Amino acid sequence: EGALEDFTEMDEKLDRIQKSLDQYLETKRMVFPRFYFVSDDDLLEILGQSKDPSQVQKHIKKCFEGIKTLELIAPLTQLNKTYEA
């Protein structure tokens, strides 16, 4: 009896977490609509690797048709303050 209640409560919490995650990803997609072309898993990976743009390369072709990779110029290489493509 107690275990069933625990599982039910955990399931409800998991549903709330999933809805919150879906809302978060939707806000990112609204800001950058190209993210609608990638799966939730890929988008989480892109967002999680945002500090290392080279790790995002494998997702470029999913966001931009006809572009497979970008040549990234590291910050301060050519007087730029951030990564440039």
PDB file of N, CA and C in Angstrom:
ATOM      1  N   GLU A   1       0.820  -1.191   0.000  1.00  0.00           N
ATOM      2  CA  GLU A   1       0.000   0.000   0.000  1.00  0.00           C
ATOM      3  C   GLU A   1       0.865   1.256   0.000  1.00  0.00           C
ATOM      4  N   GLY A   2       1.865   1.335   0.870  1.00  0.00           N
ATOM      5  CA  GLY A   2       2.752   2.498   0.938  1.00  0.00           C
ATOM      6  C   GLY A   2       3.608   2.640  -0.303  1.00  0.00           C
ATOM      7  N   ALA A   3       4.027   1.502  -0.867  1.00  0.00           N
ATOM      8  CA  ALA A   3       4.863   1.537  -2.064  1.00  0.00           C
ATOM      9  C   ALA A   3       4.080   2.086  -3.260  1.00  0.00           C
ATOM     10  N   LEU A   4       2.824   1.703  -3.373  1.00  0.00           N
ATOM     11  CA  LEU A   4       1.995   2.190  -4.475  1.00  0.00           C
ATOM     12  C   LEU A   4       1.842   3.701  -4.396  1.00  0.00           C
ATOM     13  N   GLU A   5       1.621   4.217  -3.198  1.00  0.00           N
ATOM     14  CA  GLU A   5       1.498   5.662  -3.022  1.00  0.00           C
ATOM     15  C   GLU A   5       2.806   6.356  -3.374  1.00  0.00           C
ATOM     16  N   ASP A   6       3.934   5.762  -2.979  1.00  0.00           N
ATOM     17  CA  ASP A   6       5.241   6.332  -3.305  1.00  0.00           C
ATOM     18  C   ASP A   6       5.449   6.382  -4.815  1.00  0.00           C
ATOM     19  N   PHE A   7       5.130   5.283  -5.494  1.00  0.00           N
ATOM     20  CA  PHE A   7       5.291   5.239  -6.942  1.00  0.00           C
ATOM     21  C   PHE A   7       4.372   6.243  -7.630  1.00  0.00           C
ATOM     22  N   THR A   8       3.158   6.361  -7.147  1.00  0.00           N
ATOM     23  CA  THR A   8       2.216   7.313  -7.725  1.00  0.00           C
ATOM     24  C   THR A   8       2.734   8.744  -7.558  1.00  0.00           C
ATOM     25  N   GLU A   9       3.247   9.043  -6.377  1.00  0.00           N
ATOM     26  CA  GLU A   9       3.791  10.379  -6.116  1.00  0.00           C
ATOM     27  C   GLU A   9       5.015  10.655  -6.994  1.00  0.00           C
ATOM     28  N   MET A  10       5.895   9.658  -7.127  1.00  0.00           N
ATOM     29  CA  MET A  10       7.078   9.818  -7.978  1.00  0.00           C
ATOM     30  C   MET A  10       6.686   9.995  -9.441  1.00  0.00           C
ATOM     31  N   ASP A  11       5.667   9.284  -9.876  1.00  0.00           N
ATOM     32  CA  ASP A  11       5.196   9.412 -11.253  1.00  0.00           C
ATOM     33  C   ASP A  11       4.650  10.815 -11.509  1.00  0.00           C
ATOM     34  N   GLU A  12       3.925  11.356 -10.556  1.00  0.00           N
ATOM     35  CA  GLU A  12       3.397  12.713 -10.689  1.00  0.00           C
ATOM     36  C   GLU A  12       4.528  13.737 -10.736  1.00  0.00           C
ATOM     37  N   LYS A  13       5.540  13.545  -9.894  1.00  0.00           N
ATOM     38  CA  LYS A  13       6.701  14.444  -9.913  1.00  0.00           C
ATOM     39  C   LYS A  13       7.439  14.360 -11.240  1.00  0.00           C
ATOM     40  N   LEU A  14       7.582  13.150 -11.746  1.00  0.00           N
ATOM     41  CA  LEU A  14       8.252  12.958 -13.028  1.00  0.00           C
ATOM     42  C   LEU A  14       7.481  13.652 -14.147  1.00  0.00           C
ATOM     43  N   ASP A  15       6.162  13.572 -14.122  1.00  0.00           N
ATOM     44  CA  ASP A  15       5.338  14.270 -15.113  1.00  0.00           C
ATOM     45  C   ASP A  15       5.552  15.773 -15.050  1.00  0.00           C
ATOM     46  N   ARG A  16       5.622  16.325 -13.826  1.00  0.00           N
ATOM     47  CA  ARG A  16       5.833  17.773 -13.671  1.00  0.00           C
ATOM     48  C   ARG A  16       7.219  18.170 -14.195  1.00  0.00           C
ATOM     49  N   ILE A  17       8.216  17.340 -13.929  1.00  0.00           N
ATOM     50  CA  ILE A  17       9.567  17.613 -14.417  1.00  0.00           C
ATOM     51  C   ILE A  17       9.592  17.586 -15.937  1.00  0.00           C
ATOM     52  N   GLN A  18       8.940  16.593 -16.530  1.00  0.00           N
ATOM     53  CA  GLN A  18       8.900  16.483 -17.994  1.00  0.00           C
ATOM     54  C   GLN A  18       8.200  17.682 -18.612  1.00  0.00           C
ATOM     55  N   LYS A  19       7.107  18.125 -18.020  1.00  0.00           N
ATOM     56  CA  LYS A  19       6.395  19.306 -18.535  1.00  0.00           C
ATOM     57  C   LYS A  19       7.263  20.550 -18.426  1.00  0.00           C
ATOM     58  N   SER A  20       7.984  20.692 -17.330  1.00  0.00           N
ATOM     59  CA  SER A  20       8.880  21.841 -17.157  1.00  0.00           C
ATOM     60  C   SER A  20      10.002  21.811 -18.192  1.00  0.00           C
ATOM     61  N   LEU A  21      10.551  20.634 -18.424  1.00  0.00           N
ATOM     62  CA  LEU A  21      11.604  20.492 -19.428  1.00  0.00           C
ATOM     63  C   LEU A  21      11.070  20.825 -20.817  1.00  0.00           C
ATOM     64  N   ASP A  22       9.892  20.341 -21.140  1.00  0.00           N
ATOM     65  CA  ASP A  22       9.275  20.643 -22.435  1.00  0.00           C
ATOM     66  C   ASP A  22       9.067  22.148 -22.601  1.00  0.00           C
ATOM     67  N   GLN A  23       8.617  22.819 -21.546  1.00  0.00           N
ATOM     68  CA  GLN A  23       8.419  24.275 -21.602  1.00  0.00           C
ATOM     69  C   GLN A  23       9.743  25.001 -21.803  1.00  0.00           C
ATOM     70  N   TYR A  24      10.784  24.545 -21.102  1.00  0.00           N
ATOM     71  CA  TYR A  24      12.104  25.153 -21.242  1.00  0.00           C
ATOM     72  C   TYR A  24      12.611  25.020 -22.683  1.00  0.00           C
ATOM     73  N   LEU A  25      12.503  23.827 -23.247  1.00  0.00           N
ATOM     74  CA  LEU A  25      12.963  23.611 -24.618  1.00  0.00           C
ATOM     75  C   LEU A  25      12.140  24.431 -25.608  1.00  0.00           C
ATOM     76  N   GLU A  26      10.865  24.573 -25.343  1.00  0.00           N
ATOM     77  CA  GLU A  26      10.008  25.383 -26.217  1.00  0.00           C
ATOM     78  C   GLU A  26      10.451  26.847 -26.197  1.00  0.00           C
ATOM     79  N   THR A  27      10.843  27.356 -25.033  1.00  0.00           N
ATOM     80  CA  THR A  27      11.311  28.752 -24.978  1.00  0.00           C
ATOM     81  C   THR A  27      12.586  28.911 -25.800  1.00  0.00           C
ATOM     82  N   LYS A  28      13.465  27.926 -25.771  1.00  0.00           N
ATOM     83  CA  LYS A  28      14.688  27.987 -26.571  1.00  0.00           C
ATOM     84  C   LYS A  28      14.359  27.926 -28.061  1.00  0.00           C
ATOM     85  N   ARG A  29      13.375  27.125 -28.425  1.00  0.00           N
ATOM     86  CA  ARG A  29      12.973  27.019 -29.831  1.00  0.00           C
ATOM     87  C   ARG A  29      12.293  28.298 -30.315  1.00  0.00           C
ATOM     88  N   MET A  30      11.571  28.960 -29.442  1.00  0.00           N
ATOM     89  CA  MET A  30      10.932  30.225 -29.832  1.00  0.00           C
ATOM     90  C   MET A  30      11.977  31.307 -30.089  1.00  0.00           C
ATOM     91  N   VAL A  31      13.058  31.290 -29.340  1.00  0.00           N
ATOM     92  CA  VAL A  31      14.131  32.267 -29.518  1.00  0.00           C
ATOM     93  C   VAL A  31      14.922  31.980 -30.798  1.00  0.00           C
ATOM     94  N   PHE A  32      15.145  30.693 -31.083  1.00  0.00           N
ATOM     95  CA  PHE A  32      15.906  30.285 -32.259  1.00  0.00           C
ATOM     96  C   PHE A  32      15.138  29.173 -32.969  1.00  0.00           C
ATOM     97  N   PRO A  33      14.240  29.529 -33.891  1.00  0.00           N
ATOM     98  CA  PRO A  33      13.343  28.548 -34.521  1.00  0.00           C
ATOM     99  C   PRO A  33      14.026  27.377 -35.219  1.00  0.00           C
ATOM    100  N   ARG A  34      15.290  27.507 -35.587  1.00  0.00           N
ATOM    101  CA  ARG A  34      15.989  26.377 -36.212  1.00  0.00           C
ATOM    102  C   ARG A  34      16.058  25.183 -35.274  1.00  0.00           C
ATOM    103  N   PHE A  35      15.909  25.415 -33.974  1.00  0.00           N
ATOM    104  CA  PHE A  35      15.924  24.316 -33.009  1.00  0.00           C
ATOM    105  C   PHE A  35      14.700  23.405 -33.156  1.00  0.00           C
ATOM    106  N   TYR A  36      13.683  23.842 -33.900  1.00  0.00           N
ATOM    107  CA  TYR A  36      12.531  22.968 -34.143  1.00  0.00           C
ATOM    108  C   TYR A  36      12.920  21.772 -35.011  1.00  0.00           C
ATOM    109  N   PHE A  37      14.061  21.863 -35.692  1.00  0.00           N
ATOM    110  CA  PHE A  37      14.503  20.791 -36.575  1.00  0.00           C
ATOM    111  C   PHE A  37      15.297  19.717 -35.852  1.00  0.00           C
ATOM    112  N   VAL A  38      15.569  19.902 -34.566  1.00  0.00           N
ATOM    113  CA  VAL A  38      16.336  18.907 -33.822  1.00  0.00           C
ATOM    114  C   VAL A  38      15.458  18.294 -32.731  1.00  0.00           C
ATOM    115  N   SER A  39      15.776  17.086 -32.366  1.00  0.00           N
ATOM    116  CA  SER A  39      15.022  16.379 -31.329  1.00  0.00           C
ATOM    117  C   SER A  39      15.305  16.993 -29.963  1.00  0.00           C
ATOM    118  N   ASP A  40      14.483  16.647 -28.993  1.00  0.00           N
ATOM    119  CA  ASP A  40      14.697  17.124 -27.626  1.00  0.00           C
ATOM    120  C   ASP A  40      16.060  16.690 -27.105  1.00  0.00           C
ATOM    121  N   ASP A  41      16.437  15.443 -27.358  1.00  0.00           N
ATOM    122  CA  ASP A  41      17.737  14.943 -26.899  1.00  0.00           C
ATOM    123  C   ASP A  41      18.883  15.733 -27.512  1.00  0.00           C
ATOM    124  N   ASP A  42      18.791  15.999 -28.823  1.00  0.00           N
ATOM    125  CA  ASP A  42      19.841  16.770 -29.490  1.00  0.00           C
ATOM    126  C   ASP A  42      19.891  18.199 -28.962  1.00  0.00           C
ATOM    127  N   LEU A  43      18.730  18.791 -28.740  1.00  0.00           N
ATOM    128  CA  LEU A  43      18.693  20.161 -28.234  1.00  0.00           C
ATOM    129  C   LEU A  43      19.299  20.239 -26.835  1.00  0.00           C
ATOM    130  N   LEU A  44      19.011  19.267 -26.005  1.00  0.00           N
ATOM    131  CA  LEU A  44      19.624  19.242 -24.673  1.00  0.00           C
ATOM    132  C   LEU A  44      21.142  19.133 -24.778  1.00  0.00           C
ATOM    133  N   GLU A  45      21.610  18.333 -25.722  1.00  0.00           N
ATOM    134  CA  GLU A  45      23.055  18.206 -25.912  1.00  0.00           C
ATOM    135  C   GLU A  45      23.655  19.522 -26.411  1.00  0.00           C
ATOM    136  N   ILE A  46      22.984  20.176 -27.348  1.00  0.00           N
ATOM    137  CA  ILE A  46      23.452  21.472 -27.854  1.00  0.00           C
ATOM    138  C   ILE A  46      23.532  22.486 -26.714  1.00  0.00           C
ATOM    139  N   LEU A  47      22.489  22.576 -25.932  1.00  0.00           N
ATOM    140  CA  LEU A  47      22.466  23.542 -24.835  1.00  0.00           C
ATOM    141  C   LEU A  47      23.504  23.197 -23.771  1.00  0.00           C
ATOM    142  N   GLY A  48      23.693  21.920 -23.532  1.00  0.00           N
ATOM    143  CA  GLY A  48      24.667  21.489 -22.537  1.00  0.00           C
ATOM    144  C   GLY A  48      26.101  21.708 -22.975  1.00  0.00           C
ATOM    145  N   GLN A  49      26.337  21.757 -24.276  1.00  0.00           N
ATOM    146  CA  GLN A  49      27.683  21.947 -24.805  1.00  0.00           C
ATOM    147  C   GLN A  49      27.910  23.363 -25.312  1.00  0.00           C
ATOM    148  N   SER A  50      27.077  24.302 -24.901  1.00  0.00           N
ATOM    149  CA  SER A  50      27.156  25.657 -25.443  1.00  0.00           C
ATOM    150  C   SER A  50      28.498  26.339 -25.162  1.00  0.00           C
ATOM    151  N   LYS A  51      29.211  25.921 -24.144  1.00  0.00           N
ATOM    152  CA  LYS A  51      30.523  26.505 -23.844  1.00  0.00           C
ATOM    153  C   LYS A  51      31.612  25.947 -24.773  1.00  0.00           C
ATOM    154  N   ASP A  52      31.332  24.861 -25.454  1.00  0.00           N
ATOM    155  CA  ASP A  52      32.300  24.249 -26.366  1.00  0.00           C
ATOM    156  C   ASP A  52      31.650  24.062 -27.739  1.00  0.00           C
ATOM    157  N   PRO A  53      31.656  25.104 -28.557  1.00  0.00           N
ATOM    158  CA  PRO A  53      30.969  25.046 -29.864  1.00  0.00           C
ATOM    159  C   PRO A  53      31.429  23.922 -30.773  1.00  0.00           C
ATOM    160  N   SER A  54      32.663  23.459 -30.626  1.00  0.00           N
ATOM    161  CA  SER A  54      33.116  22.373 -31.492  1.00  0.00           C
ATOM    162  C   SER A  54      32.309  21.098 -31.256  1.00  0.00           C
ATOM    163  N   GLN A  55      31.771  20.910 -30.066  1.00  0.00           N
ATOM    164  CA  GLN A  55      30.958  19.739 -29.751  1.00  0.00           C
ATOM    165  C   GLN A  55      29.559  19.819 -30.374  1.00  0.00           C
ATOM    166  N   VAL A  56      29.185  21.000 -30.821  1.00  0.00           N
ATOM    167  CA  VAL A  56      27.854  21.208 -31.409  1.00  0.00           C
ATOM    168  C   VAL A  56      27.873  20.943 -32.916  1.00  0.00           C
ATOM    169  N   GLN A  57      29.069  20.800 -33.490  1.00  0.00           N
ATOM    170  CA  GLN A  57      29.214  20.636 -34.941  1.00  0.00           C
ATOM    171  C   GLN A  57      28.312  19.560 -35.526  1.00  0.00           C
ATOM    172  N   LYS A  58      28.178  18.438 -34.832  1.00  0.00           N
ATOM    173  CA  LYS A  58      27.403  17.327 -35.406  1.00  0.00           C
ATOM    174  C   LYS A  58      25.920  17.653 -35.562  1.00  0.00           C
ATOM    175  N   HIS A  59      25.466  18.724 -34.941  1.00  0.00           N
ATOM    176  CA  HIS A  59      24.053  19.107 -35.035  1.00  0.00           C
ATOM    177  C   HIS A  59      23.799  20.211 -36.062  1.00  0.00           C
ATOM    178  N   ILE A  60      24.866  20.783 -36.607  1.00  0.00           N
ATOM    179  CA  ILE A  60      24.729  21.893 -37.551  1.00  0.00           C
ATOM    180  C   ILE A  60      23.876  21.496 -38.753  1.00  0.00           C
ATOM    181  N   LYS A  61      24.136  20.315 -39.308  1.00  0.00           N
ATOM    182  CA  LYS A  61      23.399  19.889 -40.510  1.00  0.00           C
ATOM    183  C   LYS A  61      21.909  19.694 -40.240  1.00  0.00           C
ATOM    184  N   LYS A  62      21.546  19.475 -38.973  1.00  0.00           N
ATOM    185  CA  LYS A  62      20.131  19.327 -38.631  1.00  0.00           C
ATOM    186  C   LYS A  62      19.437  20.682 -38.548  1.00  0.00           C
ATOM    187  N   CYS A  63      20.198  21.708 -38.230  1.00  0.00           N
ATOM    188  CA  CYS A  63      19.636  23.058 -38.082  1.00  0.00           C
ATOM    189  C   CYS A  63      19.626  23.831 -39.393  1.00  0.00           C
ATOM    190  N   PHE A  64      20.640  23.586 -40.229  1.00  0.00           N
ATOM    191  CA  PHE A  64      20.797  24.366 -41.448  1.00  0.00           C
ATOM    192  C   PHE A  64      20.963  23.448 -42.642  1.00  0.00           C
ATOM    193  N   GLU A  65      19.995  23.466 -43.526  1.00  0.00           N
ATOM    194  CA  GLU A  65      20.048  22.633 -44.721  1.00  0.00           C
ATOM    195  C   GLU A  65      21.205  23.078 -45.605  1.00  0.00           C
ATOM    196  N   GLY A  66      21.972  22.129 -46.083  1.00  0.00           N
ATOM    197  CA  GLY A  66      23.072  22.432 -46.986  1.00  0.00           C
ATOM    198  C   GLY A  66      24.377  22.795 -46.291  1.00  0.00           C
ATOM    199  N   ILE A  67      24.382  22.867 -44.974  1.00  0.00           N
ATOM    200  CA  ILE A  67      25.618  23.154 -44.233  1.00  0.00           C
ATOM    201  C   ILE A  67      25.934  21.947 -43.370  1.00  0.00           C
ATOM    202  N   LYS A  68      27.111  21.390 -43.595  1.00  0.00           N
ATOM    203  CA  LYS A  68      27.505  20.199 -42.843  1.00  0.00           C
ATOM    204  C   LYS A  68      28.329  20.564 -41.617  1.00  0.00           C
ATOM    205  N   THR A  69      29.259  21.490 -41.788  1.00  0.00           N
ATOM    206  CA  THR A  69      30.108  21.934 -40.674  1.00  0.00           C
ATOM    207  C   THR A  69      30.383  23.418 -40.818  1.00  0.00           C
ATOM    208  N   LEU A  70      30.849  23.997 -39.741  1.00  0.00           N
ATOM    209  CA  LEU A  70      31.278  25.392 -39.740  1.00  0.00           C
ATOM    210  C   LEU A  70      32.740  25.446 -39.322  1.00  0.00           C
ATOM    211  N   GLU A  71      33.463  26.338 -39.928  1.00  0.00           N
ATOM    212  CA  GLU A  71      34.828  26.588 -39.474  1.00  0.00           C
ATOM    213  C   GLU A  71      34.731  27.622 -38.367  1.00  0.00           C
ATOM    214  N   LEU A  72      35.157  27.237 -37.185  1.00  0.00           N
ATOM    215  CA  LEU A  72      35.044  28.121 -36.034  1.00  0.00           C
ATOM    216  C   LEU A  72      36.358  28.844 -35.789  1.00  0.00           C
ATOM    217  N   ILE A  73      36.263  30.135 -35.555  1.00  0.00           N
ATOM    218  CA  ILE A  73      37.422  30.951 -35.220  1.00  0.00           C
ATOM    219  C   ILE A  73      37.350  31.212 -33.724  1.00  0.00           C
ATOM    220  N   ALA A  74      38.359  30.765 -33.010  1.00  0.00           N
ATOM    221  CA  ALA A  74      38.368  30.888 -31.551  1.00  0.00           C
ATOM    222  C   ALA A  74      38.428  32.350 -31.126  1.00  0.00           C
ATOM    223  N   PRO A  75      37.927  32.654 -29.935  1.00  0.00           N
ATOM    224  CA  PRO A  75      37.975  34.029 -29.436  1.00  0.00           C
ATOM    225  C   PRO A  75      39.402  34.569 -29.394  1.00  0.00           C
ATOM    226  N   LEU A  76      39.511  35.834 -29.698  1.00  0.00           N
ATOM    227  CA  LEU A  76      40.766  36.585 -29.669  1.00  0.00           C
ATOM    228  C   LEU A  76      41.773  36.146 -30.724  1.00  0.00           C
ATOM    229  N   THR A  77      41.350  35.302 -31.665  1.00  0.00           N
ATOM    230  CA  THR A  77      42.240  34.900 -32.748  1.00  0.00           C
ATOM    231  C   THR A  77      42.364  36.028 -33.765  1.00  0.00           C
ATOM    232  N   GLN A  78      41.252  36.647 -34.080  1.00  0.00           N
ATOM    233  CA  GLN A  78      41.235  37.751 -35.047  1.00  0.00           C
ATOM    234  C   GLN A  78      40.476  38.939 -34.449  1.00  0.00           C
ATOM    235  N   LEU A  79      40.787  39.271 -33.246  1.00  0.00           N
ATOM    236  CA  LEU A  79      40.169  40.385 -32.507  1.00  0.00           C
ATOM    237  C   LEU A  79      38.696  40.163 -32.202  1.00  0.00           C
ATOM    238  N   ASN A  80      38.214  38.958 -32.337  1.00  0.00           N
ATOM    239  CA  ASN A  80      36.830  38.656 -31.980  1.00  0.00           C
ATOM    240  C   ASN A  80      36.761  38.294 -30.494  1.00  0.00           C
ATOM    241  N   LYS A  81      35.617  38.589 -29.862  1.00  0.00           N
ATOM    242  CA  LYS A  81      35.451  38.315 -28.437  1.00  0.00           C
ATOM    243  C   LYS A  81      34.767  36.972 -28.169  1.00  0.00           C
ATOM    244  N   THR A  82      34.089  36.459 -29.160  1.00  0.00           N
ATOM    245  CA  THR A  82      33.413  35.166 -29.031  1.00  0.00           C
ATOM    246  C   THR A  82      33.774  34.309 -30.233  1.00  0.00           C
ATOM    247  N   TYR A  83      33.287  33.066 -30.230  1.00  0.00           N
ATOM    248  CA  TYR A  83      33.494  32.206 -31.387  1.00  0.00           C
ATOM    249  C   TYR A  83      32.771  32.797 -32.582  1.00  0.00           C
ATOM    250  N   GLU A  84      33.392  32.734 -33.737  1.00  0.00           N
ATOM    251  CA  GLU A  84      32.773  33.168 -34.980  1.00  0.00           C
ATOM    252  C   GLU A  84      32.867  32.037 -35.990  1.00  0.00           C
ATOM    253  N   ALA A  85      31.941  32.047 -36.927  1.00  0.00           N
ATOM    254  CA  ALA A  85      31.947  31.020 -37.972  1.00  0.00           C
ATOM    255  C   ALA A  85      32.204  31.659 -39.313  1.00  0.00           C
TER     256      ALA A  85
END
